[in-house]
Amino acid sequence: MTIAADPARSATSGDYFALMKPRVMSLVVFTALAGWFAAPGGNDIVLTIACVLAIAAGAGAAGALNMWYDADIDAKMTRTRVRPVPSGRVAAPEALATGVVVSVLSVVMLALASNVLAAGLLAFTIFFYAVIYTMGLKRRTSQNIVIGGLAGALPPAIAWAAKTGSLGLDPAILVLIIFMWTPPHFWALCLYQRGDYAAAGVPMLPVTHGAKATRTQILLYSLLLAPLGLAPVFTGLGGWLYAVVAGLGGLMFVTLALRVARSRAGDAEGAGGGVYDARTENRPALHLFAFSILYLFAIFGALLAEYALGLRWPVAL
């Protein structure tokens, strides 16, 4: 499918903002802020803003590169055909140029504001998402989102490195939580959007292995995620507020994953409507997908509240 920009209009600032996947960027900013404030050391406001802004820009640049490369398959999917490139609002060369330029600027900005370790991690994240995941894994393996999830998991570690100049067990746990969260979150979406992915030829797990196998994998990952979400309590990173939120959130996550495993979600291929459109039998997957977003924001929000707002009460173990 050939995609051409509409010659009758020029791309607006809103089109370029949409090109950078603002919803994904908001999650990156939030987890990076949590990683920054949880890391030891002072919180200079100017440095904090500069570093988090650089990380956000890097995420946006990776999103622009993803939209440039995936414009052909995005045009075939109901959920993504309105994106800036397949809809013709932004020309493909402009999307590529935006992604490359903002990538370089974000890495340089982070190096100047903090240190080479953080800038190197940001550069690796952009490369991993744009090249390893988008160009390499997404169209070739059903494990695309499992391996590719590393890119979305790294922002709290990048922020930690930007603030401290080092890494350690705690930022690694934060990365691992997001990494383990990504498959059940995304596969829940894939269950009720299976028709879209099949039409586009993207080998997502429900397409290659079927809905039943996907529902089982969602449950298995959820069972691993729930206790992992409590790991910061045992290292001393998370206090009582975090413990309560992560404990209750993990219990709810597993409960919804069990409902998905016992359902027929994904058995009937839908037309692939909007993100929150779902047939009745697909509702359990929709509910898990929606809650998974709330879960991640809640646990990182609890961590952010403990350190940024002084609401941390250590758990004596």
C-alpha atoms as a PDB file:
ATOM      1  CA  MET A   1       0.000   0.000   0.000  1.00  0.00           C
ATOM      2  CA  THR A   2       1.420   3.361  -1.046  1.00  0.00           C
ATOM      3  CA  ILE A   3       1.067   6.139   1.479  1.00  0.00           C
ATOM      4  CA  ALA A   4       1.343   9.739   0.348  1.00  0.00           C
ATOM      5  CA  ALA A   5       0.990  12.974   2.240  1.00  0.00           C
ATOM      6  CA  ASP A   6      -1.992  15.151   1.462  1.00  0.00           C
ATOM      7  CA  PRO A   7      -0.638  17.972  -0.758  1.00  0.00           C
ATOM      8  CA  ALA A   8      -3.579  20.195   0.171  1.00  0.00           C
ATOM      9  CA  ARG A   9      -2.472  20.667   3.770  1.00  0.00           C
ATOM     10  CA  SER A  10       0.697  21.118   5.786  1.00  0.00           C
ATOM     11  CA  ALA A  11       1.449  19.086   8.871  1.00  0.00           C
ATOM     12  CA  THR A  12       0.553  20.905  12.076  1.00  0.00           C
ATOM     13  CA  SER A  13       2.363  20.874  15.403  1.00  0.00           C
ATOM     14  CA  GLY A  14      -0.385  18.546  16.636  1.00  0.00           C
ATOM     15  CA  ASP A  15       0.427  16.096  13.835  1.00  0.00           C
ATOM     16  CA  TYR A  16       4.090  16.018  14.826  1.00  0.00           C
ATOM     17  CA  PHE A  17       3.156  15.622  18.473  1.00  0.00           C
ATOM     18  CA  ALA A  18       0.928  12.655  17.570  1.00  0.00           C
ATOM     19  CA  LEU A  19       3.856  11.252  15.574  1.00  0.00           C
ATOM     20  CA  MET A  20       5.792  10.891  18.826  1.00  0.00           C
ATOM     21  CA  LYS A  21       3.185   8.647  20.482  1.00  0.00           C
ATOM     22  CA  PRO A  22       2.194  10.928  23.387  1.00  0.00           C
ATOM     23  CA  ARG A  23       0.365   8.181  25.300  1.00  0.00           C
ATOM     24  CA  VAL A  24       3.498   6.045  25.382  1.00  0.00           C
ATOM     25  CA  MET A  25       5.560   9.129  26.161  1.00  0.00           C
ATOM     26  CA  SER A  26       3.382   9.911  29.189  1.00  0.00           C
ATOM     27  CA  LEU A  27       4.106   6.464  30.635  1.00  0.00           C
ATOM     28  CA  VAL A  28       7.822   6.953  29.967  1.00  0.00           C
ATOM     29  CA  VAL A  29       7.811  10.317  31.732  1.00  0.00           C
ATOM     30  CA  PHE A  30       5.925   8.934  34.715  1.00  0.00           C
ATOM     31  CA  THR A  31       8.175   5.899  35.253  1.00  0.00           C
ATOM     32  CA  ALA A  32      11.283   8.020  34.676  1.00  0.00           C
ATOM     33  CA  LEU A  33      10.136  10.522  37.317  1.00  0.00           C
ATOM     34  CA  ALA A  34       9.576   7.693  39.780  1.00  0.00           C
ATOM     35  CA  GLY A  35      13.040   6.332  39.067  1.00  0.00           C
ATOM     36  CA  TRP A  36      14.572   9.790  39.445  1.00  0.00           C
ATOM     37  CA  PHE A  37      13.008  10.613  42.812  1.00  0.00           C
ATOM     38  CA  ALA A  38      13.552   7.116  44.209  1.00  0.00           C
ATOM     39  CA  ALA A  39      17.268   7.290  43.386  1.00  0.00           C
ATOM     40  CA  PRO A  40      19.534   8.608  46.157  1.00  0.00           C
ATOM     41  CA  GLY A  41      20.712  12.213  46.017  1.00  0.00           C
ATOM     42  CA  GLY A  42      19.317  15.707  45.800  1.00  0.00           C
ATOM     43  CA  ASN A  43      16.575  16.827  43.417  1.00  0.00           C
ATOM     44  CA  ASP A  44      17.660  19.982  41.643  1.00  0.00           C
ATOM     45  CA  ILE A  45      14.524  21.131  39.819  1.00  0.00           C
ATOM     46  CA  VAL A  46      16.313  22.377  36.686  1.00  0.00           C
ATOM     47  CA  LEU A  47      18.356  19.196  36.353  1.00  0.00           C
ATOM     48  CA  THR A  48      15.275  17.059  36.975  1.00  0.00           C
ATOM     49  CA  ILE A  49      13.295  18.804  34.233  1.00  0.00           C
ATOM     50  CA  ALA A  50      16.200  18.692  31.769  1.00  0.00           C
ATOM     51  CA  CYS A  51      16.848  14.981  32.264  1.00  0.00           C
ATOM     52  CA  VAL A  52      13.218  13.873  32.198  1.00  0.00           C
ATOM     53  CA  LEU A  53      12.568  16.078  29.152  1.00  0.00           C
ATOM     54  CA  ALA A  54      15.497  14.441  27.347  1.00  0.00           C
ATOM     55  CA  ILE A  55      14.184  10.971  28.178  1.00  0.00           C
ATOM     56  CA  ALA A  56      10.696  11.951  26.981  1.00  0.00           C
ATOM     57  CA  ALA A  57      12.129  13.350  23.743  1.00  0.00           C
ATOM     58  CA  GLY A  58      14.072  10.130  23.191  1.00  0.00           C
ATOM     59  CA  ALA A  59      10.888   8.112  23.636  1.00  0.00           C
ATOM     60  CA  GLY A  60       9.068  10.393  21.217  1.00  0.00           C
ATOM     61  CA  ALA A  61      11.853  10.070  18.665  1.00  0.00           C
ATOM     62  CA  ALA A  62      11.668   6.283  18.872  1.00  0.00           C
ATOM     63  CA  GLY A  63       7.908   6.521  18.373  1.00  0.00           C
ATOM     64  CA  ALA A  64       8.374   8.676  15.267  1.00  0.00           C
ATOM     65  CA  LEU A  65      10.830   6.178  13.792  1.00  0.00           C
ATOM     66  CA  ASN A  66       8.399   3.374  14.557  1.00  0.00           C
ATOM     67  CA  MET A  67       5.558   5.204  12.787  1.00  0.00           C
ATOM     68  CA  TRP A  68       7.785   5.924   9.787  1.00  0.00           C
ATOM     69  CA  TYR A  69       8.804   2.290   9.337  1.00  0.00           C
ATOM     70  CA  ASP A  70       5.422   0.752  10.202  1.00  0.00           C
ATOM     71  CA  ALA A  71       3.311   3.077   8.053  1.00  0.00           C
ATOM     72  CA  ASP A  72       2.487   0.266   5.618  1.00  0.00           C
ATOM     73  CA  ILE A  73       1.038  -2.068   8.239  1.00  0.00           C
ATOM     74  CA  ASP A  74      -0.492   0.800  10.235  1.00  0.00           C
ATOM     75  CA  ALA A  75      -2.532   1.657   7.134  1.00  0.00           C
ATOM     76  CA  LYS A  76      -4.087  -1.827   7.184  1.00  0.00           C
ATOM     77  CA  MET A  77      -5.226  -1.719  10.815  1.00  0.00           C
ATOM     78  CA  THR A  78      -8.350   0.075  12.024  1.00  0.00           C
ATOM     79  CA  ARG A  79      -6.690   1.045  15.287  1.00  0.00           C
ATOM     80  CA  THR A  80      -3.661   2.660  13.639  1.00  0.00           C
ATOM     81  CA  ARG A  81      -4.726   3.868  10.203  1.00  0.00           C
ATOM     82  CA  VAL A  82      -5.493   7.349  11.572  1.00  0.00           C
ATOM     83  CA  ARG A  83      -1.893   7.838  12.684  1.00  0.00           C
ATOM     84  CA  PRO A  84      -0.071  10.809  11.074  1.00  0.00           C
ATOM     85  CA  VAL A  85       1.895   8.899   8.405  1.00  0.00           C
ATOM     86  CA  PRO A  86      -0.676   6.376   7.094  1.00  0.00           C
ATOM     87  CA  SER A  87      -3.380   9.061   7.135  1.00  0.00           C
ATOM     88  CA  GLY A  88      -1.171  11.311   5.000  1.00  0.00           C
ATOM     89  CA  ARG A  89      -0.915  14.139   7.526  1.00  0.00           C
ATOM     90  CA  VAL A  90       2.868  13.740   7.793  1.00  0.00           C
ATOM     91  CA  ALA A  91       5.038  12.579   4.884  1.00  0.00           C
ATOM     92  CA  ALA A  92       7.192   9.516   5.562  1.00  0.00           C
ATOM     93  CA  PRO A  93      10.518  11.334   4.913  1.00  0.00           C
ATOM     94  CA  GLU A  94       9.485  14.034   7.386  1.00  0.00           C
ATOM     95  CA  ALA A  95       8.660  11.405  10.008  1.00  0.00           C
ATOM     96  CA  LEU A  96      12.067   9.783   9.487  1.00  0.00           C
ATOM     97  CA  ALA A  97      13.876  13.124   9.695  1.00  0.00           C
ATOM     98  CA  THR A  98      11.976  14.059  12.859  1.00  0.00           C
ATOM     99  CA  GLY A  99      12.861  10.764  14.506  1.00  0.00           C
ATOM    100  CA  VAL A 100      16.555  10.985  13.642  1.00  0.00           C
ATOM    101  CA  VAL A 101      16.992  14.646  14.596  1.00  0.00           C
ATOM    102  CA  VAL A 102      15.112  14.375  17.890  1.00  0.00           C
ATOM    103  CA  SER A 103      16.986  11.153  18.740  1.00  0.00           C
ATOM    104  CA  VAL A 104      20.353  12.888  18.400  1.00  0.00           C
ATOM    105  CA  LEU A 105      19.204  15.993  20.273  1.00  0.00           C
ATOM    106  CA  SER A 106      17.753  13.975  23.164  1.00  0.00           C
ATOM    107  CA  VAL A 107      20.912  11.913  23.660  1.00  0.00           C
ATOM    108  CA  VAL A 108      23.196  14.957  23.447  1.00  0.00           C
ATOM    109  CA  MET A 109      20.951  16.886  25.848  1.00  0.00           C
ATOM    110  CA  LEU A 110      21.028  14.081  28.408  1.00  0.00           C
ATOM    111  CA  ALA A 111      24.812  13.711  28.101  1.00  0.00           C
ATOM    112  CA  LEU A 112      25.300  17.435  28.703  1.00  0.00           C
ATOM    113  CA  ALA A 113      22.777  17.585  31.545  1.00  0.00           C
ATOM    114  CA  SER A 114      23.894  14.439  33.374  1.00  0.00           C
ATOM    115  CA  ASN A 115      26.407  11.831  32.264  1.00  0.00           C
ATOM    116  CA  VAL A 116      27.518   9.477  29.508  1.00  0.00           C
ATOM    117  CA  LEU A 117      26.038   6.379  31.173  1.00  0.00           C
ATOM    118  CA  ALA A 118      22.508   7.797  31.087  1.00  0.00           C
ATOM    119  CA  ALA A 119      22.938   9.134  27.543  1.00  0.00           C
ATOM    120  CA  GLY A 120      24.278   5.759  26.406  1.00  0.00           C
ATOM    121  CA  LEU A 121      21.290   3.964  27.918  1.00  0.00           C
ATOM    122  CA  LEU A 122      18.919   6.396  26.179  1.00  0.00           C
ATOM    123  CA  ALA A 123      20.678   5.876  22.830  1.00  0.00           C
ATOM    124  CA  PHE A 124      20.474   2.100  23.332  1.00  0.00           C
ATOM    125  CA  THR A 125      16.754   2.363  24.136  1.00  0.00           C
ATOM    126  CA  ILE A 126      16.002   4.345  20.973  1.00  0.00           C
ATOM    127  CA  PHE A 127      18.060   1.931  18.855  1.00  0.00           C
ATOM    128  CA  PHE A 128      16.480  -1.116  20.468  1.00  0.00           C
ATOM    129  CA  TYR A 129      12.920   0.102  19.890  1.00  0.00           C
ATOM    130  CA  ALA A 130      13.390   1.532  16.413  1.00  0.00           C
ATOM    131  CA  VAL A 131      15.766  -1.058  14.960  1.00  0.00           C
ATOM    132  CA  ILE A 132      15.762  -4.270  17.002  1.00  0.00           C
ATOM    133  CA  TYR A 133      12.022  -4.304  17.765  1.00  0.00           C
ATOM    134  CA  THR A 134      10.379  -2.336  14.939  1.00  0.00           C
ATOM    135  CA  MET A 135      12.593  -3.393  12.037  1.00  0.00           C
ATOM    136  CA  GLY A 136      13.760  -6.758  13.310  1.00  0.00           C
ATOM    137  CA  LEU A 137      11.371  -8.492  15.694  1.00  0.00           C
ATOM    138  CA  LYS A 138       7.872  -7.127  15.111  1.00  0.00           C
ATOM    139  CA  ARG A 139       7.290  -8.754  11.722  1.00  0.00           C
ATOM    140  CA  ARG A 140       9.293 -11.919  12.343  1.00  0.00           C
ATOM    141  CA  THR A 141       8.434 -13.507  15.689  1.00  0.00           C
ATOM    142  CA  SER A 142       5.525 -13.892  18.072  1.00  0.00           C
ATOM    143  CA  GLN A 143       7.954 -13.048  20.876  1.00  0.00           C
ATOM    144  CA  ASN A 144       8.314  -9.546  19.442  1.00  0.00           C
ATOM    145  CA  ILE A 145       6.607  -7.786  22.312  1.00  0.00           C
ATOM    146  CA  VAL A 146       8.386  -9.896  24.955  1.00  0.00           C
ATOM    147  CA  ILE A 147      11.892  -9.027  23.768  1.00  0.00           C
ATOM    148  CA  GLY A 148      10.966  -5.587  22.483  1.00  0.00           C
ATOM    149  CA  GLY A 149       9.430  -4.715  25.836  1.00  0.00           C
ATOM    150  CA  LEU A 150      12.926  -3.993  27.144  1.00  0.00           C
ATOM    151  CA  ALA A 151      12.885  -0.616  25.386  1.00  0.00           C
ATOM    152  CA  GLY A 152       9.796   0.542  27.260  1.00  0.00           C
ATOM    153  CA  ALA A 153      11.137  -0.828  30.539  1.00  0.00           C
ATOM    154  CA  LEU A 154      14.389   1.149  30.666  1.00  0.00           C
ATOM    155  CA  PRO A 155      13.254   4.759  31.449  1.00  0.00           C
ATOM    156  CA  PRO A 156      13.393   4.435  35.278  1.00  0.00           C
ATOM    157  CA  ALA A 157      16.932   3.041  35.005  1.00  0.00           C
ATOM    158  CA  ILE A 158      17.935   5.845  32.628  1.00  0.00           C
ATOM    159  CA  ALA A 159      16.640   8.420  35.108  1.00  0.00           C
ATOM    160  CA  TRP A 160      18.388   6.635  37.991  1.00  0.00           C
ATOM    161  CA  ALA A 161      21.674   6.664  36.057  1.00  0.00           C
ATOM    162  CA  ALA A 162      21.178  10.330  35.131  1.00  0.00           C
ATOM    163  CA  LYS A 163      20.841  11.270  38.789  1.00  0.00           C
ATOM    164  CA  THR A 164      23.445   8.993  40.363  1.00  0.00           C
ATOM    165  CA  GLY A 165      25.847   8.123  37.562  1.00  0.00           C
ATOM    166  CA  SER A 166      25.435   4.433  38.393  1.00  0.00           C
ATOM    167  CA  LEU A 167      23.002   1.523  38.373  1.00  0.00           C
ATOM    168  CA  GLY A 168      22.180  -1.234  40.856  1.00  0.00           C
ATOM    169  CA  LEU A 169      19.632  -3.759  42.067  1.00  0.00           C
ATOM    170  CA  ASP A 170      16.768  -1.324  42.684  1.00  0.00           C
ATOM    171  CA  PRO A 171      16.657   0.242  39.204  1.00  0.00           C
ATOM    172  CA  ALA A 172      17.070  -3.246  37.726  1.00  0.00           C
ATOM    173  CA  ILE A 173      13.960  -4.385  39.620  1.00  0.00           C
ATOM    174  CA  LEU A 174      11.980  -1.404  38.327  1.00  0.00           C
ATOM    175  CA  VAL A 175      13.023  -2.308  34.786  1.00  0.00           C
ATOM    176  CA  LEU A 176      12.097  -5.949  35.338  1.00  0.00           C
ATOM    177  CA  ILE A 177       8.634  -5.021  36.632  1.00  0.00           C
ATOM    178  CA  ILE A 178       7.819  -3.086  33.446  1.00  0.00           C
ATOM    179  CA  PHE A 179       9.424  -5.792  31.307  1.00  0.00           C
ATOM    180  CA  MET A 180       7.230  -8.473  32.895  1.00  0.00           C
ATOM    181  CA  TRP A 181       4.154  -6.236  32.738  1.00  0.00           C
ATOM    182  CA  THR A 182       4.413  -5.608  28.996  1.00  0.00           C
ATOM    183  CA  PRO A 183       3.399  -9.060  27.610  1.00  0.00           C
ATOM    184  CA  PRO A 184       0.101  -9.488  29.528  1.00  0.00           C
ATOM    185  CA  HIS A 185      -0.738  -5.833  28.932  1.00  0.00           C
ATOM    186  CA  PHE A 186      -0.139  -5.979  25.199  1.00  0.00           C
ATOM    187  CA  TRP A 187      -1.441  -9.512  24.606  1.00  0.00           C
ATOM    188  CA  ALA A 188      -4.731  -8.512  26.245  1.00  0.00           C
ATOM    189  CA  LEU A 189      -5.019  -5.813  23.576  1.00  0.00           C
ATOM    190  CA  CYS A 190      -4.009  -8.293  20.873  1.00  0.00           C
ATOM    191  CA  LEU A 191      -6.750 -10.739  21.892  1.00  0.00           C
ATOM    192  CA  TYR A 192      -9.574  -8.404  20.984  1.00  0.00           C
ATOM    193  CA  GLN A 193      -7.677  -6.817  18.084  1.00  0.00           C
ATOM    194  CA  ARG A 194      -6.553 -10.146  16.606  1.00  0.00           C
ATOM    195  CA  GLY A 195      -8.317  -9.543  13.295  1.00  0.00           C
ATOM    196  CA  ASP A 196      -6.391  -6.308  12.806  1.00  0.00           C
ATOM    197  CA  TYR A 197      -3.017  -7.934  13.379  1.00  0.00           C
ATOM    198  CA  ALA A 198      -3.886 -10.892  11.158  1.00  0.00           C
ATOM    199  CA  ALA A 199      -4.949  -8.574   8.338  1.00  0.00           C
ATOM    200  CA  ALA A 200      -1.678  -6.661   8.621  1.00  0.00           C
ATOM    201  CA  GLY A 201       0.403  -9.841   8.723  1.00  0.00           C
ATOM    202  CA  VAL A 202       1.926  -9.065  12.121  1.00  0.00           C
ATOM    203  CA  PRO A 203       2.791 -12.328  13.941  1.00  0.00           C
ATOM    204  CA  MET A 204       1.382 -11.453  17.355  1.00  0.00           C
ATOM    205  CA  LEU A 205       0.890 -14.413  19.682  1.00  0.00           C
ATOM    206  CA  PRO A 206      -2.910 -14.698  19.221  1.00  0.00           C
ATOM    207  CA  VAL A 207      -2.368 -14.847  15.449  1.00  0.00           C
ATOM    208  CA  THR A 208       0.450 -17.411  15.455  1.00  0.00           C
ATOM    209  CA  HIS A 209      -0.462 -19.604  18.441  1.00  0.00           C
ATOM    210  CA  GLY A 210      -4.165 -18.948  18.924  1.00  0.00           C
ATOM    211  CA  ALA A 211      -6.263 -17.271  21.568  1.00  0.00           C
ATOM    212  CA  LYS A 212      -6.183 -20.121  24.107  1.00  0.00           C
ATOM    213  CA  ALA A 213      -2.383 -20.234  24.213  1.00  0.00           C
ATOM    214  CA  THR A 214      -2.300 -16.446  24.549  1.00  0.00           C
ATOM    215  CA  ARG A 215      -4.752 -16.494  27.464  1.00  0.00           C
ATOM    216  CA  THR A 216      -2.542 -19.052  29.213  1.00  0.00           C
ATOM    217  CA  GLN A 217       0.586 -16.968  28.659  1.00  0.00           C
ATOM    218  CA  ILE A 218      -1.180 -13.891  30.018  1.00  0.00           C
ATOM    219  CA  LEU A 219      -1.995 -15.767  33.209  1.00  0.00           C
ATOM    220  CA  LEU A 220       1.550 -17.114  33.596  1.00  0.00           C
ATOM    221  CA  TYR A 221       3.129 -13.688  33.169  1.00  0.00           C
ATOM    222  CA  SER A 222       0.589 -12.169  35.563  1.00  0.00           C
ATOM    223  CA  LEU A 223       1.427 -14.767  38.210  1.00  0.00           C
ATOM    224  CA  LEU A 224       5.088 -13.802  37.869  1.00  0.00           C
ATOM    225  CA  LEU A 225       4.387 -10.074  37.817  1.00  0.00           C
ATOM    226  CA  ALA A 226       2.324  -9.901  41.021  1.00  0.00           C
ATOM    227  CA  PRO A 227       5.092 -11.016  43.434  1.00  0.00           C
ATOM    228  CA  LEU A 228       7.738  -9.197  41.408  1.00  0.00           C
ATOM    229  CA  GLY A 229       5.789  -5.987  41.936  1.00  0.00           C
ATOM    230  CA  LEU A 230       6.409  -6.399  45.676  1.00  0.00           C
ATOM    231  CA  ALA A 231      10.177  -6.868  45.290  1.00  0.00           C
ATOM    232  CA  PRO A 232      10.994  -3.189  46.000  1.00  0.00           C
ATOM    233  CA  VAL A 233       9.499  -3.647  49.475  1.00  0.00           C
ATOM    234  CA  PHE A 234      12.023  -6.363  50.265  1.00  0.00           C
ATOM    235  CA  THR A 235      15.003  -4.336  49.026  1.00  0.00           C
ATOM    236  CA  GLY A 236      13.881  -1.341  51.098  1.00  0.00           C
ATOM    237  CA  LEU A 237      13.084   0.823  48.072  1.00  0.00           C
ATOM    238  CA  GLY A 238       9.328   0.740  48.610  1.00  0.00           C
ATOM    239  CA  GLY A 239       7.581   1.629  51.869  1.00  0.00           C
ATOM    240  CA  TRP A 240       4.128   0.874  53.270  1.00  0.00           C
ATOM    241  CA  LEU A 241       2.237   2.907  50.691  1.00  0.00           C
ATOM    242  CA  TYR A 242       3.991   1.114  47.864  1.00  0.00           C
ATOM    243  CA  ALA A 243       3.480  -2.265  49.569  1.00  0.00           C
ATOM    244  CA  VAL A 244      -0.289  -1.782  49.886  1.00  0.00           C
ATOM    245  CA  VAL A 245      -0.725  -0.496  46.321  1.00  0.00           C
ATOM    246  CA  ALA A 246       1.491  -3.186  44.785  1.00  0.00           C
ATOM    247  CA  GLY A 247      -0.090  -5.939  46.870  1.00  0.00           C
ATOM    248  CA  LEU A 248      -3.701  -5.049  46.106  1.00  0.00           C
ATOM    249  CA  GLY A 249      -2.858  -4.163  42.503  1.00  0.00           C
ATOM    250  CA  GLY A 250      -1.088  -7.467  41.936  1.00  0.00           C
ATOM    251  CA  LEU A 251      -4.015  -9.392  43.421  1.00  0.00           C
ATOM    252  CA  MET A 252      -6.456  -7.598  41.118  1.00  0.00           C
ATOM    253  CA  PHE A 253      -4.157  -8.156  38.137  1.00  0.00           C
ATOM    254  CA  VAL A 254      -4.077 -11.914  38.736  1.00  0.00           C
ATOM    255  CA  THR A 255      -7.843 -11.995  39.309  1.00  0.00           C
ATOM    256  CA  LEU A 256      -8.490 -10.330  35.948  1.00  0.00           C
ATOM    257  CA  ALA A 257      -5.915 -12.578  34.253  1.00  0.00           C
ATOM    258  CA  LEU A 258      -7.760 -15.611  35.637  1.00  0.00           C
ATOM    259  CA  ARG A 259     -10.992 -14.265  34.148  1.00  0.00           C
ATOM    260  CA  VAL A 260      -9.219 -13.920  30.805  1.00  0.00           C
ATOM    261  CA  ALA A 261      -7.834 -17.479  31.038  1.00  0.00           C
ATOM    262  CA  ARG A 262     -11.320 -18.857  31.704  1.00  0.00           C
ATOM    263  CA  SER A 263     -12.961 -16.770  28.979  1.00  0.00           C
ATOM    264  CA  ARG A 264     -13.286 -17.100  25.220  1.00  0.00           C
ATOM    265  CA  ALA A 265     -11.527 -13.798  24.586  1.00  0.00           C
ATOM    266  CA  GLY A 266      -9.941 -13.779  21.155  1.00  0.00           C
ATOM    267  CA  ASP A 267     -11.722 -16.903  19.893  1.00  0.00           C
ATOM    268  CA  ALA A 268     -13.862 -14.876  17.495  1.00  0.00           C
ATOM    269  CA  GLU A 269     -11.955 -12.493  15.257  1.00  0.00           C
ATOM    270  CA  GLY A 270     -13.500  -9.057  15.492  1.00  0.00           C
ATOM    271  CA  ALA A 271     -13.396  -6.376  12.888  1.00  0.00           C
ATOM    272  CA  GLY A 272     -10.642  -4.612  14.782  1.00  0.00           C
ATOM    273  CA  GLY A 273     -12.348  -1.409  15.816  1.00  0.00           C
ATOM    274  CA  GLY A 274     -11.128   1.214  18.234  1.00  0.00           C
ATOM    275  CA  VAL A 275      -8.916   0.342  21.167  1.00  0.00           C
ATOM    276  CA  TYR A 276     -11.841   0.116  23.580  1.00  0.00           C
ATOM    277  CA  ASP A 277     -14.238  -1.629  21.190  1.00  0.00           C
ATOM    278  CA  ALA A 278     -14.763  -5.271  22.038  1.00  0.00           C
ATOM    279  CA  ARG A 279     -17.267  -8.060  21.515  1.00  0.00           C
ATOM    280  CA  THR A 280     -18.939  -9.389  24.653  1.00  0.00           C
ATOM    281  CA  GLU A 281     -16.698 -12.475  24.807  1.00  0.00           C
ATOM    282  CA  ASN A 282     -13.637 -10.214  24.548  1.00  0.00           C
ATOM    283  CA  ARG A 283     -14.599  -7.999  27.493  1.00  0.00           C
ATOM    284  CA  PRO A 284     -12.338  -9.804  30.021  1.00  0.00           C
ATOM    285  CA  ALA A 285      -9.331  -8.992  27.826  1.00  0.00           C
ATOM    286  CA  LEU A 286     -10.476  -5.383  27.512  1.00  0.00           C
ATOM    287  CA  HIS A 287     -10.850  -5.104  31.291  1.00  0.00           C
ATOM    288  CA  LEU A 288      -7.372  -6.534  31.898  1.00  0.00           C
ATOM    289  CA  PHE A 289      -5.851  -4.204  29.306  1.00  0.00           C
ATOM    290  CA  ALA A 290      -7.474  -1.153  30.914  1.00  0.00           C
ATOM    291  CA  PHE A 291      -6.546  -2.222  34.452  1.00  0.00           C
ATOM    292  CA  SER A 292      -2.953  -3.011  33.468  1.00  0.00           C
ATOM    293  CA  ILE A 293      -2.422   0.655  32.593  1.00  0.00           C
ATOM    294  CA  LEU A 294      -3.895   1.705  35.937  1.00  0.00           C
ATOM    295  CA  TYR A 295      -1.726  -0.873  37.745  1.00  0.00           C
ATOM    296  CA  LEU A 296       1.547   0.431  36.353  1.00  0.00           C
ATOM    297  CA  PHE A 297       0.637   4.060  36.978  1.00  0.00           C
ATOM    298  CA  ALA A 298      -0.500   3.157  40.511  1.00  0.00           C
ATOM    299  CA  ILE A 299       2.648   1.358  41.653  1.00  0.00           C
ATOM    300  CA  PHE A 300       5.015   3.911  40.149  1.00  0.00           C
ATOM    301  CA  GLY A 301       2.738   6.663  41.433  1.00  0.00           C
ATOM    302  CA  ALA A 302       3.018   5.195  44.933  1.00  0.00           C
ATOM    303  CA  LEU A 303       6.809   5.127  44.621  1.00  0.00           C
ATOM    304  CA  LEU A 304       6.806   8.709  43.370  1.00  0.00           C
ATOM    305  CA  ALA A 305       4.542   9.825  46.239  1.00  0.00           C
ATOM    306  CA  GLU A 306       6.770   8.180  48.816  1.00  0.00           C
ATOM    307  CA  TYR A 307       9.914   9.973  47.657  1.00  0.00           C
ATOM    308  CA  ALA A 308       8.675  13.197  46.068  1.00  0.00           C
ATOM    309  CA  LEU A 309       5.943  13.964  48.608  1.00  0.00           C
ATOM    310  CA  GLY A 310       7.559  12.484  51.709  1.00  0.00           C
ATOM    311  CA  LEU A 311       4.898   9.795  52.216  1.00  0.00           C
ATOM    312  CA  ARG A 312       7.370   6.994  52.759  1.00  0.00           C
ATOM    313  CA  TRP A 313       7.086   4.825  55.862  1.00  0.00           C
ATOM    314  CA  PRO A 314       9.683   2.004  55.726  1.00  0.00           C
ATOM    315  CA  VAL A 315       8.508  -1.574  56.089  1.00  0.00           C
ATOM    316  CA  ALA A 316      10.334  -3.432  58.853  1.00  0.00           C
ATOM    317  CA  LEU A 317      11.117  -6.940  57.594  1.00  0.00           C
END
